[in-house]
Amino acid sequence: MLVQSCNQSYYNAYALRLSRIEVTSDSGVELVLHKAANIKLWREIVLYRYPICANPQCIIKSYDPHHVVRRGYKEFKMLVENGIGFCRQHHIQVENLGWDSYWDLMRVLLGVQLCSYLQDHAI
């Protein structure tokens, strides 16, 4: 879910620095994912996509990019779609959610198809 308030040509410049990966989920849904070359670029793009906190009730600027699937899963570490931006307060709250509540929230914020793919392949 790309935040549409961003300058599209600026985002296209980022796209040139990303690897494009096409995958098919277990349910047959085709997804296009983008991989950054390094963590600095990943962080920059995630915060660009989420200029304000991803919590719909918050209007604070995003400072904390969050990996939806933990960074320990190397195949997901640099995926742009595996990132979401939060303000510090909501990032801490998300980090402390239980497993089921966490994935319920991510499905709302990122969409069911992407979250299902990430969750299914990270277990």
PDB file of N, CA and C in Angstrom:
ATOM      1  N   MET A   1       0.841  -1.176   0.000  1.00  0.00           N
ATOM      2  CA  MET A   1       0.000   0.000   0.000  1.00  0.00           C
ATOM      3  C   MET A   1       0.889   1.245   0.000  1.00  0.00           C
ATOM      4  N   LEU A   2       1.217   1.721  -1.137  1.00  0.00           N
ATOM      5  CA  LEU A   2       2.071   2.893  -1.265  1.00  0.00           C
ATOM      6  C   LEU A   2       1.290   4.142  -0.911  1.00  0.00           C
ATOM      7  N   VAL A   3       1.846   4.938  -0.044  1.00  0.00           N
ATOM      8  CA  VAL A   3       1.197   6.189   0.321  1.00  0.00           C
ATOM      9  C   VAL A   3       1.229   7.109  -0.893  1.00  0.00           C
ATOM     10  N   GLN A   4       0.064   7.557  -1.348  1.00  0.00           N
ATOM     11  CA  GLN A   4      -0.050   8.289  -2.603  1.00  0.00           C
ATOM     12  C   GLN A   4       0.354   9.754  -2.515  1.00  0.00           C
ATOM     13  N   SER A   5       0.586  10.284  -1.326  1.00  0.00           N
ATOM     14  CA  SER A   5       0.938  11.697  -1.220  1.00  0.00           C
ATOM     15  C   SER A   5       2.388  11.962  -1.644  1.00  0.00           C
ATOM     16  N   CYS A   6       3.128  10.923  -1.943  1.00  0.00           N
ATOM     17  CA  CYS A   6       4.539  11.066  -2.298  1.00  0.00           C
ATOM     18  C   CYS A   6       4.698  11.472  -3.760  1.00  0.00           C
ATOM     19  N   ASN A   7       5.800  12.122  -4.058  1.00  0.00           N
ATOM     20  CA  ASN A   7       6.135  12.511  -5.413  1.00  0.00           C
ATOM     21  C   ASN A   7       6.481  11.261  -6.218  1.00  0.00           C
ATOM     22  N   GLN A   8       5.684  10.922  -7.233  1.00  0.00           N
ATOM     23  CA  GLN A   8       5.850   9.672  -7.977  1.00  0.00           C
ATOM     24  C   GLN A   8       7.185   9.589  -8.700  1.00  0.00           C
ATOM     25  N   SER A   9       7.684  10.688  -9.269  1.00  0.00           N
ATOM     26  CA  SER A   9       8.960  10.624  -9.986  1.00  0.00           C
ATOM     27  C   SER A   9      10.114  10.329  -9.025  1.00  0.00           C
ATOM     28  N   TYR A  10      10.021  10.837  -7.814  1.00  0.00           N
ATOM     29  CA  TYR A  10      11.047  10.544  -6.808  1.00  0.00           C
ATOM     30  C   TYR A  10      11.025   9.057  -6.469  1.00  0.00           C
ATOM     31  N   TYR A  11       9.822   8.487  -6.329  1.00  0.00           N
ATOM     32  CA  TYR A  11       9.707   7.055  -6.045  1.00  0.00           C
ATOM     33  C   TYR A  11      10.254   6.240  -7.210  1.00  0.00           C
ATOM     34  N   ASN A  12      10.014   6.681  -8.444  1.00  0.00           N
ATOM     35  CA  ASN A  12      10.544   5.967  -9.604  1.00  0.00           C
ATOM     36  C   ASN A  12      12.063   5.922  -9.584  1.00  0.00           C
ATOM     37  N   ALA A  13      12.705   6.965  -9.075  1.00  0.00           N
ATOM     38  CA  ALA A  13      14.170   6.956  -8.949  1.00  0.00           C
ATOM     39  C   ALA A  13      14.605   5.848  -7.993  1.00  0.00           C
ATOM     40  N   TYR A  14      13.836   5.640  -6.939  1.00  0.00           N
ATOM     41  CA  TYR A  14      14.134   4.521  -6.036  1.00  0.00           C
ATOM     42  C   TYR A  14      13.975   3.187  -6.757  1.00  0.00           C
ATOM     43  N   ALA A  15      12.935   3.086  -7.559  1.00  0.00           N
ATOM     44  CA  ALA A  15      12.644   1.822  -8.236  1.00  0.00           C
ATOM     45  C   ALA A  15      13.820   1.357  -9.090  1.00  0.00           C
ATOM     46  N   LEU A  16      14.573   2.282  -9.618  1.00  0.00           N
ATOM     47  CA  LEU A  16      15.739   1.917 -10.429  1.00  0.00           C
ATOM     48  C   LEU A  16      16.828   1.252  -9.599  1.00  0.00           C
ATOM     49  N   ARG A  17      16.805   1.466  -8.290  1.00  0.00           N
ATOM     50  CA  ARG A  17      17.829   0.910  -7.405  1.00  0.00           C
ATOM     51  C   ARG A  17      17.350  -0.345  -6.670  1.00  0.00           C
ATOM     52  N   LEU A  18      16.209  -0.897  -7.091  1.00  0.00           N
ATOM     53  CA  LEU A  18      15.636  -2.062  -6.440  1.00  0.00           C
ATOM     54  C   LEU A  18      15.615  -3.251  -7.381  1.00  0.00           C
ATOM     55  N   SER A  19      15.735  -4.451  -6.811  1.00  0.00           N
ATOM     56  CA  SER A  19      15.544  -5.673  -7.585  1.00  0.00           C
ATOM     57  C   SER A  19      14.070  -6.029  -7.550  1.00  0.00           C
ATOM     58  N   ARG A  20      13.516  -6.403  -8.681  1.00  0.00           N
ATOM     59  CA  ARG A  20      12.104  -6.781  -8.770  1.00  0.00           C
ATOM     60  C   ARG A  20      12.006  -8.300  -8.659  1.00  0.00           C
ATOM     61  N   ILE A  21      11.109  -8.771  -7.782  1.00  0.00           N
ATOM     62  CA  ILE A  21      10.923 -10.202  -7.566  1.00  0.00           C
ATOM     63  C   ILE A  21       9.445 -10.513  -7.738  1.00  0.00           C
ATOM     64  N   GLU A  22       9.134 -11.460  -8.620  1.00  0.00           N
ATOM     65  CA  GLU A  22       7.752 -11.879  -8.801  1.00  0.00           C
ATOM     66  C   GLU A  22       7.574 -13.243  -8.156  1.00  0.00           C
ATOM     67  N   VAL A  23       6.570 -13.359  -7.295  1.00  0.00           N
ATOM     68  CA  VAL A  23       6.309 -14.608  -6.582  1.00  0.00           C
ATOM     69  C   VAL A  23       4.833 -14.951  -6.693  1.00  0.00           C
ATOM     70  N   THR A  24       4.540 -16.215  -6.485  1.00  0.00           N
ATOM     71  CA  THR A  24       3.161 -16.675  -6.436  1.00  0.00           C
ATOM     72  C   THR A  24       2.929 -17.276  -5.065  1.00  0.00           C
ATOM     73  N   SER A  25       1.910 -16.804  -4.382  1.00  0.00           N
ATOM     74  CA  SER A  25       1.612 -17.310  -3.048  1.00  0.00           C
ATOM     75  C   SER A  25       1.014 -18.709  -3.152  1.00  0.00           C
ATOM     76  N   ASP A  26       0.914 -19.378  -2.019  1.00  0.00           N
ATOM     77  CA  ASP A  26       0.345 -20.721  -1.988  1.00  0.00           C
ATOM     78  C   ASP A  26      -1.087 -20.746  -2.502  1.00  0.00           C
ATOM     79  N   SER A  27      -1.792 -19.622  -2.373  1.00  0.00           N
ATOM     80  CA  SER A  27      -3.180 -19.558  -2.844  1.00  0.00           C
ATOM     81  C   SER A  27      -3.277 -19.157  -4.319  1.00  0.00           C
ATOM     82  N   GLY A  28      -2.123 -19.007  -4.989  1.00  0.00           N
ATOM     83  CA  GLY A  28      -2.108 -18.702  -6.411  1.00  0.00           C
ATOM     84  C   GLY A  28      -2.098 -17.222  -6.756  1.00  0.00           C
ATOM     85  N   VAL A  29      -1.987 -16.355  -5.758  1.00  0.00           N
ATOM     86  CA  VAL A  29      -1.968 -14.921  -5.999  1.00  0.00           C
ATOM     87  C   VAL A  29      -0.550 -14.501  -6.385  1.00  0.00           C
ATOM     88  N   GLU A  30      -0.424 -13.749  -7.483  1.00  0.00           N
ATOM     89  CA  GLU A  30       0.884 -13.269  -7.908  1.00  0.00           C
ATOM     90  C   GLU A  30       1.185 -11.934  -7.242  1.00  0.00           C
ATOM     91  N   LEU A  31       2.376 -11.823  -6.672  1.00  0.00           N
ATOM     92  CA  LEU A  31       2.815 -10.604  -5.999  1.00  0.00           C
ATOM     93  C   LEU A  31       4.114 -10.128  -6.628  1.00  0.00           C
ATOM     94  N   VAL A  32       4.282  -8.824  -6.708  1.00  0.00           N
ATOM     95  CA  VAL A  32       5.545  -8.248  -7.155  1.00  0.00           C
ATOM     96  C   VAL A  32       6.176  -7.592  -5.933  1.00  0.00           C
ATOM     97  N   LEU A  33       7.371  -8.053  -5.577  1.00  0.00           N
ATOM     98  CA  LEU A  33       8.090  -7.541  -4.415  1.00  0.00           C
ATOM     99  C   LEU A  33       9.340  -6.817  -4.886  1.00  0.00           C
ATOM    100  N   HIS A  34       9.875  -5.949  -4.042  1.00  0.00           N
ATOM    101  CA  HIS A  34      11.065  -5.172  -4.391  1.00  0.00           C
ATOM    102  C   HIS A  34      12.100  -5.311  -3.288  1.00  0.00           C
ATOM    103  N   LYS A  35      13.330  -5.576  -3.692  1.00  0.00           N
ATOM    104  CA  LYS A  35      14.409  -5.804  -2.734  1.00  0.00           C
ATOM    105  C   LYS A  35      15.446  -4.687  -2.823  1.00  0.00           C
ATOM    106  N   ALA A  36      15.784  -4.118  -1.664  1.00  0.00           N
ATOM    107  CA  ALA A  36      16.804  -3.068  -1.606  1.00  0.00           C
ATOM    108  C   ALA A  36      18.185  -3.707  -1.497  1.00  0.00           C
ATOM    109  N   ALA A  37      19.190  -2.977  -1.936  1.00  0.00           N
ATOM    110  CA  ALA A  37      20.556  -3.501  -1.928  1.00  0.00           C
ATOM    111  C   ALA A  37      21.186  -3.498  -0.539  1.00  0.00           C
ATOM    112  N   ASN A  38      20.741  -2.578   0.327  1.00  0.00           N
ATOM    113  CA  ASN A  38      21.319  -2.509   1.670  1.00  0.00           C
ATOM    114  C   ASN A  38      20.299  -1.941   2.654  1.00  0.00           C
ATOM    115  N   ILE A  39      20.607  -2.056   3.930  1.00  0.00           N
ATOM    116  CA  ILE A  39      19.653  -1.659   4.966  1.00  0.00           C
ATOM    117  C   ILE A  39      19.403  -0.154   4.972  1.00  0.00           C
ATOM    118  N   LYS A  40      20.393   0.640   4.618  1.00  0.00           N
ATOM    119  CA  LYS A  40      20.211   2.088   4.571  1.00  0.00           C
ATOM    120  C   LYS A  40      19.185   2.464   3.503  1.00  0.00           C
ATOM    121  N   LEU A  41      19.292   1.870   2.322  1.00  0.00           N
ATOM    122  CA  LEU A  41      18.334   2.120   1.249  1.00  0.00           C
ATOM    123  C   LEU A  41      16.951   1.606   1.650  1.00  0.00           C
ATOM    124  N   TRP A  42      16.887   0.424   2.274  1.00  0.00           N
ATOM    125  CA  TRP A  42      15.612  -0.132   2.728  1.00  0.00           C
ATOM    126  C   TRP A  42      14.914   0.847   3.673  1.00  0.00           C
ATOM    127  N   ARG A  43      15.655   1.337   4.649  1.00  0.00           N
ATOM    128  CA  ARG A  43      15.106   2.270   5.641  1.00  0.00           C
ATOM    129  C   ARG A  43      14.590   3.548   4.957  1.00  0.00           C
ATOM    130  N   GLU A  44      15.386   4.082   4.051  1.00  0.00           N
ATOM    131  CA  GLU A  44      15.027   5.316   3.341  1.00  0.00           C
ATOM    132  C   GLU A  44      13.729   5.138   2.549  1.00  0.00           C
ATOM    133  N   ILE A  45      13.589   4.006   1.857  1.00  0.00           N
ATOM    134  CA  ILE A  45      12.399   3.766   1.039  1.00  0.00           C
ATOM    135  C   ILE A  45      11.169   3.534   1.909  1.00  0.00           C
ATOM    136  N   VAL A  46      11.320   2.767   2.988  1.00  0.00           N
ATOM    137  CA  VAL A  46      10.176   2.513   3.873  1.00  0.00           C
ATOM    138  C   VAL A  46       9.670   3.830   4.457  1.00  0.00           C
ATOM    139  N   LEU A  47      10.571   4.673   4.910  1.00  0.00           N
ATOM    140  CA  LEU A  47      10.143   5.957   5.474  1.00  0.00           C
ATOM    141  C   LEU A  47       9.581   6.888   4.400  1.00  0.00           C
ATOM    142  N   TYR A  48      10.033   6.735   3.160  1.00  0.00           N
ATOM    143  CA  TYR A  48       9.473   7.499   2.053  1.00  0.00           C
ATOM    144  C   TYR A  48       8.040   7.053   1.772  1.00  0.00           C
ATOM    145  N   ARG A  49       7.815   5.738   1.819  1.00  0.00           N
ATOM    146  CA  ARG A  49       6.474   5.200   1.574  1.00  0.00           C
ATOM    147  C   ARG A  49       5.504   5.555   2.688  1.00  0.00           C
ATOM    148  N   TYR A  50       6.013   5.702   3.900  1.00  0.00           N
ATOM    149  CA  TYR A  50       5.183   6.019   5.064  1.00  0.00           C
ATOM    150  C   TYR A  50       5.698   7.304   5.714  1.00  0.00           C
ATOM    151  N   PRO A  51       5.383   8.460   5.141  1.00  0.00           N
ATOM    152  CA  PRO A  51       5.888   9.711   5.717  1.00  0.00           C
ATOM    153  C   PRO A  51       5.288  10.019   7.086  1.00  0.00           C
ATOM    154  N   ILE A  52       4.095   9.488   7.361  1.00  0.00           N
ATOM    155  CA  ILE A  52       3.522   9.604   8.703  1.00  0.00           C
ATOM    156  C   ILE A  52       3.280   8.193   9.225  1.00  0.00           C
ATOM    157  N   CYS A  53       3.077   8.095  10.510  1.00  0.00           N
ATOM    158  CA  CYS A  53       2.868   6.810  11.177  1.00  0.00           C
ATOM    159  C   CYS A  53       1.783   6.000  10.467  1.00  0.00           C
ATOM    160  N   ALA A  54       2.000   4.696  10.322  1.00  0.00           N
ATOM    161  CA  ALA A  54       1.042   3.822   9.649  1.00  0.00           C
ATOM    162  C   ALA A  54      -0.231   3.611  10.459  1.00  0.00           C
ATOM    163  N   ASN A  55      -0.196   3.953  11.738  1.00  0.00           N
ATOM    164  CA  ASN A  55      -1.403   3.866  12.546  1.00  0.00           C
ATOM    165  C   ASN A  55      -2.381   4.911  12.014  1.00  0.00           C
ATOM    166  N   PRO A  56      -3.573   4.492  11.554  1.00  0.00           N
ATOM    167  CA  PRO A  56      -4.505   5.431  10.929  1.00  0.00           C
ATOM    168  C   PRO A  56      -4.978   6.562  11.839  1.00  0.00           C
ATOM    169  N   GLN A  57      -4.847   6.403  13.135  1.00  0.00           N
ATOM    170  CA  GLN A  57      -5.300   7.431  14.075  1.00  0.00           C
ATOM    171  C   GLN A  57      -4.166   8.361  14.507  1.00  0.00           C
ATOM    172  N   CYS A  58      -2.998   8.211  13.904  1.00  0.00           N
ATOM    173  CA  CYS A  58      -1.825   8.997  14.309  1.00  0.00           C
ATOM    174  C   CYS A  58      -1.394   9.915  13.167  1.00  0.00           C
ATOM    175  N   ILE A  59      -0.948  11.113  13.509  1.00  0.00           N
ATOM    176  CA  ILE A  59      -0.485  12.058  12.478  1.00  0.00           C
ATOM    177  C   ILE A  59       0.981  12.450  12.689  1.00  0.00           C
ATOM    178  N   ILE A  60       1.686  11.684  13.501  1.00  0.00           N
ATOM    179  CA  ILE A  60       3.094  11.970  13.793  1.00  0.00           C
ATOM    180  C   ILE A  60       3.968  11.417  12.670  1.00  0.00           C
ATOM    181  N   LYS A  61       5.044  12.118  12.370  1.00  0.00           N
ATOM    182  CA  LYS A  61       5.983  11.681  11.346  1.00  0.00           C
ATOM    183  C   LYS A  61       6.575  10.319  11.698  1.00  0.00           C
ATOM    184  N   SER A  62       6.767   9.478  10.671  1.00  0.00           N
ATOM    185  CA  SER A  62       7.402   8.170  10.867  1.00  0.00           C
ATOM    186  C   SER A  62       8.898   8.345  11.033  1.00  0.00           C
ATOM    187  N   TYR A  63       9.425   7.792  12.106  1.00  0.00           N
ATOM    188  CA  TYR A  63      10.871   7.789  12.325  1.00  0.00           C
ATOM    189  C   TYR A  63      11.412   6.375  12.428  1.00  0.00           C
ATOM    190  N   ASP A  64      10.533   5.426  12.708  1.00  0.00           N
ATOM    191  CA  ASP A  64      10.962   4.058  12.970  1.00  0.00           C
ATOM    192  C   ASP A  64      10.429   3.091  11.913  1.00  0.00           C
ATOM    193  N   PRO A  65      11.268   2.687  10.961  1.00  0.00           N
ATOM    194  CA  PRO A  65      10.819   1.647  10.043  1.00  0.00           C
ATOM    195  C   PRO A  65      10.799   0.310  10.784  1.00  0.00           C
ATOM    196  N   HIS A  66       9.797  -0.487  10.519  1.00  0.00           N
ATOM    197  CA  HIS A  66       9.608  -1.754  11.216  1.00  0.00           C
ATOM    198  C   HIS A  66       9.605  -2.887  10.205  1.00  0.00           C
ATOM    199  N   HIS A  67      10.363  -3.951  10.475  1.00  0.00           N
ATOM    200  CA  HIS A  67      10.308  -5.159   9.656  1.00  0.00           C
ATOM    201  C   HIS A  67       9.079  -5.956  10.077  1.00  0.00           C
ATOM    202  N   VAL A  68       8.177  -6.225   9.147  1.00  0.00           N
ATOM    203  CA  VAL A  68       6.990  -7.012   9.457  1.00  0.00           C
ATOM    204  C   VAL A  68       7.414  -8.417   9.876  1.00  0.00           C
ATOM    205  N   VAL A  69       8.241  -9.054   9.052  1.00  0.00           N
ATOM    206  CA  VAL A  69       8.871 -10.323   9.411  1.00  0.00           C
ATOM    207  C   VAL A  69      10.263  -9.976   9.930  1.00  0.00           C
ATOM    208  N   ARG A  70      10.638 -10.552  11.060  1.00  0.00           N
ATOM    209  CA  ARG A  70      11.913 -10.214  11.710  1.00  0.00           C
ATOM    210  C   ARG A  70      13.097 -10.214  10.741  1.00  0.00           C
ATOM    211  N   ARG A  71      14.057  -9.364  11.034  1.00  0.00           N
ATOM    212  CA  ARG A  71      15.255  -9.252  10.197  1.00  0.00           C
ATOM    213  C   ARG A  71      16.065 -10.536  10.150  1.00  0.00           C
ATOM    214  N   GLY A  72      15.858 -11.414  11.106  1.00  0.00           N
ATOM    215  CA  GLY A  72      16.588 -12.681  11.133  1.00  0.00           C
ATOM    216  C   GLY A  72      16.303 -13.565   9.928  1.00  0.00           C
ATOM    217  N   TYR A  73      15.177 -13.355   9.281  1.00  0.00           N
ATOM    218  CA  TYR A  73      14.861 -14.085   8.059  1.00  0.00           C
ATOM    219  C   TYR A  73      15.493 -13.328   6.900  1.00  0.00           C
ATOM    220  N   LYS A  74      16.668 -13.763   6.498  1.00  0.00           N
ATOM    221  CA  LYS A  74      17.467 -13.020   5.521  1.00  0.00           C
ATOM    222  C   LYS A  74      16.738 -12.778   4.198  1.00  0.00           C
ATOM    223  N   GLU A  75      15.901 -13.716   3.769  1.00  0.00           N
ATOM    224  CA  GLU A  75      15.207 -13.530   2.490  1.00  0.00           C
ATOM    225  C   GLU A  75      14.188 -12.398   2.540  1.00  0.00           C
ATOM    226  N   PHE A  76      13.799 -11.960   3.747  1.00  0.00           N
ATOM    227  CA  PHE A  76      12.836 -10.873   3.891  1.00  0.00           C
ATOM    228  C   PHE A  76      13.464  -9.565   4.369  1.00  0.00           C
ATOM    229  N   LYS A  77      14.696  -9.618   4.828  1.00  0.00           N
ATOM    230  CA  LYS A  77      15.320  -8.457   5.473  1.00  0.00           C
ATOM    231  C   LYS A  77      15.299  -7.201   4.612  1.00  0.00           C
ATOM    232  N   MET A  78      15.562  -7.322   3.334  1.00  0.00           N
ATOM    233  CA  MET A  78      15.656  -6.153   2.462  1.00  0.00           C
ATOM    234  C   MET A  78      14.430  -5.931   1.581  1.00  0.00           C
ATOM    235  N   LEU A  79      13.365  -6.722   1.760  1.00  0.00           N
ATOM    236  CA  LEU A  79      12.149  -6.516   0.975  1.00  0.00           C
ATOM    237  C   LEU A  79      11.452  -5.240   1.422  1.00  0.00           C
ATOM    238  N   VAL A  80      11.232  -4.338   0.497  1.00  0.00           N
ATOM    239  CA  VAL A  80      10.572  -3.070   0.803  1.00  0.00           C
ATOM    240  C   VAL A  80       9.168  -3.328   1.354  1.00  0.00           C
ATOM    241  N   GLU A  81       8.471  -4.294   0.791  1.00  0.00           N
ATOM    242  CA  GLU A  81       7.114  -4.605   1.242  1.00  0.00           C
ATOM    243  C   GLU A  81       7.086  -5.206   2.639  1.00  0.00           C
ATOM    244  N   ASN A  82       8.237  -5.609   3.153  1.00  0.00           N
ATOM    245  CA  ASN A  82       8.345  -6.132   4.511  1.00  0.00           C
ATOM    246  C   ASN A  82       8.603  -5.005   5.508  1.00  0.00           C
ATOM    247  N   GLY A  83       8.432  -3.785   5.071  1.00  0.00           N
ATOM    248  CA  GLY A  83       8.662  -2.647   5.948  1.00  0.00           C
ATOM    249  C   GLY A  83       7.439  -1.772   6.088  1.00  0.00           C
ATOM    250  N   ILE A  84       7.297  -1.181   7.255  1.00  0.00           N
ATOM    251  CA  ILE A  84       6.195  -0.259   7.528  1.00  0.00           C
ATOM    252  C   ILE A  84       6.720   0.797   8.489  1.00  0.00           C
ATOM    253  N   GLY A  85       6.272   2.036   8.322  1.00  0.00           N
ATOM    254  CA  GLY A  85       6.777   3.135   9.151  1.00  0.00           C
ATOM    255  C   GLY A  85       5.850   3.471  10.313  1.00  0.00           C
ATOM    256  N   PHE A  86       6.427   3.648  11.486  1.00  0.00           N
ATOM    257  CA  PHE A  86       5.679   4.031  12.676  1.00  0.00           C
ATOM    258  C   PHE A  86       6.377   5.174  13.392  1.00  0.00           C
ATOM    259  N   CYS A  87       5.599   5.908  14.181  1.00  0.00           N
ATOM    260  CA  CYS A  87       6.211   6.831  15.134  1.00  0.00           C
ATOM    261  C   CYS A  87       6.788   5.958  16.258  1.00  0.00           C
ATOM    262  N   ARG A  88       7.617   6.536  17.087  1.00  0.00           N
ATOM    263  CA  ARG A  88       8.273   5.752  18.151  1.00  0.00           C
ATOM    264  C   ARG A  88       7.258   5.058  19.066  1.00  0.00           C
ATOM    265  N   GLN A  89       6.229   5.774  19.492  1.00  0.00           N
ATOM    266  CA  GLN A  89       5.247   5.219  20.425  1.00  0.00           C
ATOM    267  C   GLN A  89       4.538   3.996  19.833  1.00  0.00           C
ATOM    268  N   HIS A  90       4.082   4.108  18.591  1.00  0.00           N
ATOM    269  CA  HIS A  90       3.357   2.988  17.994  1.00  0.00           C
ATOM    270  C   HIS A  90       4.297   1.844  17.610  1.00  0.00           C
ATOM    271  N   HIS A  91       5.534   2.156  17.311  1.00  0.00           N
ATOM    272  CA  HIS A  91       6.499   1.093  17.034  1.00  0.00           C
ATOM    273  C   HIS A  91       6.692   0.233  18.282  1.00  0.00           C
ATOM    274  N   ILE A  92       6.834   0.863  19.419  1.00  0.00           N
ATOM    275  CA  ILE A  92       6.994   0.126  20.676  1.00  0.00           C
ATOM    276  C   ILE A  92       5.745  -0.713  20.954  1.00  0.00           C
ATOM    277  N   GLN A  93       4.571  -0.144  20.739  1.00  0.00           N
ATOM    278  CA  GLN A  93       3.326  -0.888  20.965  1.00  0.00           C
ATOM    279  C   GLN A  93       3.235  -2.110  20.050  1.00  0.00           C
ATOM    280  N   VAL A  94       3.593  -1.934  18.776  1.00  0.00           N
ATOM    281  CA  VAL A  94       3.542  -3.049  17.819  1.00  0.00           C
ATOM    282  C   VAL A  94       4.519  -4.144  18.223  1.00  0.00           C
ATOM    283  N   GLU A  95       5.698  -3.758  18.674  1.00  0.00           N
ATOM    284  CA  GLU A  95       6.710  -4.740  19.086  1.00  0.00           C
ATOM    285  C   GLU A  95       6.234  -5.590  20.260  1.00  0.00           C
ATOM    286  N   ASN A  96       5.314  -5.058  21.066  1.00  0.00           N
ATOM    287  CA  ASN A  96       4.867  -5.762  22.262  1.00  0.00           C
ATOM    288  C   ASN A  96       3.533  -6.488  22.100  1.00  0.00           C
ATOM    289  N   LEU A  97       2.984  -6.512  20.891  1.00  0.00           N
ATOM    290  CA  LEU A  97       1.730  -7.234  20.658  1.00  0.00           C
ATOM    291  C   LEU A  97       1.983  -8.740  20.669  1.00  0.00           C
ATOM    292  N   GLY A  98       0.971  -9.503  21.024  1.00  0.00           N
ATOM    293  CA  GLY A  98       1.049 -10.954  20.902  1.00  0.00           C
ATOM    294  C   GLY A  98       1.010 -11.358  19.436  1.00  0.00           C
ATOM    295  N   TRP A  99       1.378 -12.593  19.160  1.00  0.00           N
ATOM    296  CA  TRP A  99       1.499 -13.097  17.786  1.00  0.00           C
ATOM    297  C   TRP A  99       0.226 -12.886  16.973  1.00  0.00           C
ATOM    298  N   ASP A 100      -0.919 -13.333  17.476  1.00  0.00           N
ATOM    299  CA  ASP A 100      -2.171 -13.226  16.719  1.00  0.00           C
ATOM    300  C   ASP A 100      -2.594 -11.773  16.518  1.00  0.00           C
ATOM    301  N   SER A 101      -2.497 -10.971  17.563  1.00  0.00           N
ATOM    302  CA  SER A 101      -2.856  -9.550  17.456  1.00  0.00           C
ATOM    303  C   SER A 101      -1.944  -8.834  16.471  1.00  0.00           C
ATOM    304  N   TYR A 102      -0.661  -9.188  16.483  1.00  0.00           N
ATOM    305  CA  TYR A 102       0.313  -8.583  15.571  1.00  0.00           C
ATOM    306  C   TYR A 102      -0.087  -8.829  14.118  1.00  0.00           C
ATOM    307  N   TRP A 103      -0.354 -10.079  13.759  1.00  0.00           N
ATOM    308  CA  TRP A 103      -0.685 -10.401  12.371  1.00  0.00           C
ATOM    309  C   TRP A 103      -2.050  -9.860  11.979  1.00  0.00           C
ATOM    310  N   ASP A 104      -2.980  -9.785  12.925  1.00  0.00           N
ATOM    311  CA  ASP A 104      -4.277  -9.153  12.630  1.00  0.00           C
ATOM    312  C   ASP A 104      -4.071  -7.689  12.249  1.00  0.00           C
ATOM    313  N   LEU A 105      -3.227  -6.980  12.985  1.00  0.00           N
ATOM    314  CA  LEU A 105      -2.932  -5.575  12.697  1.00  0.00           C
ATOM    315  C   LEU A 105      -2.228  -5.434  11.349  1.00  0.00           C
ATOM    316  N   MET A 106      -1.236  -6.272  11.073  1.00  0.00           N
ATOM    317  CA  MET A 106      -0.503  -6.174   9.810  1.00  0.00           C
ATOM    318  C   MET A 106      -1.412  -6.434   8.614  1.00  0.00           C
ATOM    319  N   ARG A 107      -2.384  -7.341   8.753  1.00  0.00           N
ATOM    320  CA  ARG A 107      -3.329  -7.587   7.662  1.00  0.00           C
ATOM    321  C   ARG A 107      -4.158  -6.340   7.353  1.00  0.00           C
ATOM    322  N   VAL A 108      -4.530  -5.613   8.396  1.00  0.00           N
ATOM    323  CA  VAL A 108      -5.295  -4.388   8.199  1.00  0.00           C
ATOM    324  C   VAL A 108      -4.433  -3.319   7.539  1.00  0.00           C
ATOM    325  N   LEU A 109      -3.190  -3.174   7.996  1.00  0.00           N
ATOM    326  CA  LEU A 109      -2.322  -2.104   7.501  1.00  0.00           C
ATOM    327  C   LEU A 109      -1.716  -2.395   6.130  1.00  0.00           C
ATOM    328  N   LEU A 110      -1.361  -3.646   5.860  1.00  0.00           N
ATOM    329  CA  LEU A 110      -0.657  -3.984   4.625  1.00  0.00           C
ATOM    330  C   LEU A 110      -1.497  -4.744   3.607  1.00  0.00           C
ATOM    331  N   GLY A 111      -2.586  -5.335   4.038  1.00  0.00           N
ATOM    332  CA  GLY A 111      -3.418  -6.133   3.145  1.00  0.00           C
ATOM    333  C   GLY A 111      -3.246  -7.617   3.406  1.00  0.00           C
ATOM    334  N   VAL A 112      -4.297  -8.349   3.171  1.00  0.00           N
ATOM    335  CA  VAL A 112      -4.344  -9.775   3.491  1.00  0.00           C
ATOM    336  C   VAL A 112      -3.370 -10.580   2.635  1.00  0.00           C
ATOM    337  N   GLN A 113      -3.315 -10.316   1.326  1.00  0.00           N
ATOM    338  CA  GLN A 113      -2.483 -11.134   0.440  1.00  0.00           C
ATOM    339  C   GLN A 113      -1.008 -11.037   0.778  1.00  0.00           C
ATOM    340  N   LEU A 114      -0.507  -9.828   0.950  1.00  0.00           N
ATOM    341  CA  LEU A 114       0.909  -9.657   1.273  1.00  0.00           C
ATOM    342  C   LEU A 114       1.234 -10.260   2.633  1.00  0.00           C
ATOM    343  N   CYS A 115       0.402 -10.011   3.626  1.00  0.00           N
ATOM    344  CA  CYS A 115       0.665 -10.545   4.962  1.00  0.00           C
ATOM    345  C   CYS A 115       0.599 -12.061   4.982  1.00  0.00           C
ATOM    346  N   SER A 116      -0.324 -12.628   4.262  1.00  0.00           N
ATOM    347  CA  SER A 116      -0.411 -14.091   4.203  1.00  0.00           C
ATOM    348  C   SER A 116       0.859 -14.672   3.601  1.00  0.00           C
ATOM    349  N   TYR A 117       1.349 -14.043   2.534  1.00  0.00           N
ATOM    350  CA  TYR A 117       2.593 -14.519   1.916  1.00  0.00           C
ATOM    351  C   TYR A 117       3.763 -14.411   2.900  1.00  0.00           C
ATOM    352  N   LEU A 118       3.917 -13.266   3.533  1.00  0.00           N
ATOM    353  CA  LEU A 118       5.019 -13.072   4.479  1.00  0.00           C
ATOM    354  C   LEU A 118       4.929 -14.043   5.646  1.00  0.00           C
ATOM    355  N   GLN A 119       3.740 -14.185   6.205  1.00  0.00           N
ATOM    356  CA  GLN A 119       3.568 -15.059   7.358  1.00  0.00           C
ATOM    357  C   GLN A 119       3.797 -16.516   6.984  1.00  0.00           C
ATOM    358  N   ASP A 120       3.265 -16.961   5.867  1.00  0.00           N
ATOM    359  CA  ASP A 120       3.412 -18.353   5.449  1.00  0.00           C
ATOM    360  C   ASP A 120       4.866 -18.737   5.180  1.00  0.00           C
ATOM    361  N   HIS A 121       5.657 -17.795   4.662  1.00  0.00           N
ATOM    362  CA  HIS A 121       7.032 -18.108   4.301  1.00  0.00           C
ATOM    363  C   HIS A 121       8.045 -17.798   5.398  1.00  0.00           C
ATOM    364  N   ALA A 122       7.587 -17.251   6.491  1.00  0.00           N
ATOM    365  CA  ALA A 122       8.509 -16.926   7.576  1.00  0.00           C
ATOM    366  C   ALA A 122       8.434 -17.941   8.705  1.00  0.00           C
ATOM    367  N   ILE A 123       7.545 -18.886   8.596  1.00  0.00           N
ATOM    368  CA  ILE A 123       7.381 -19.881   9.671  1.00  0.00           C
ATOM    369  C   ILE A 123       8.158 -21.130   9.325  1.00  0.00           C
TER     370      ILE A 123
END
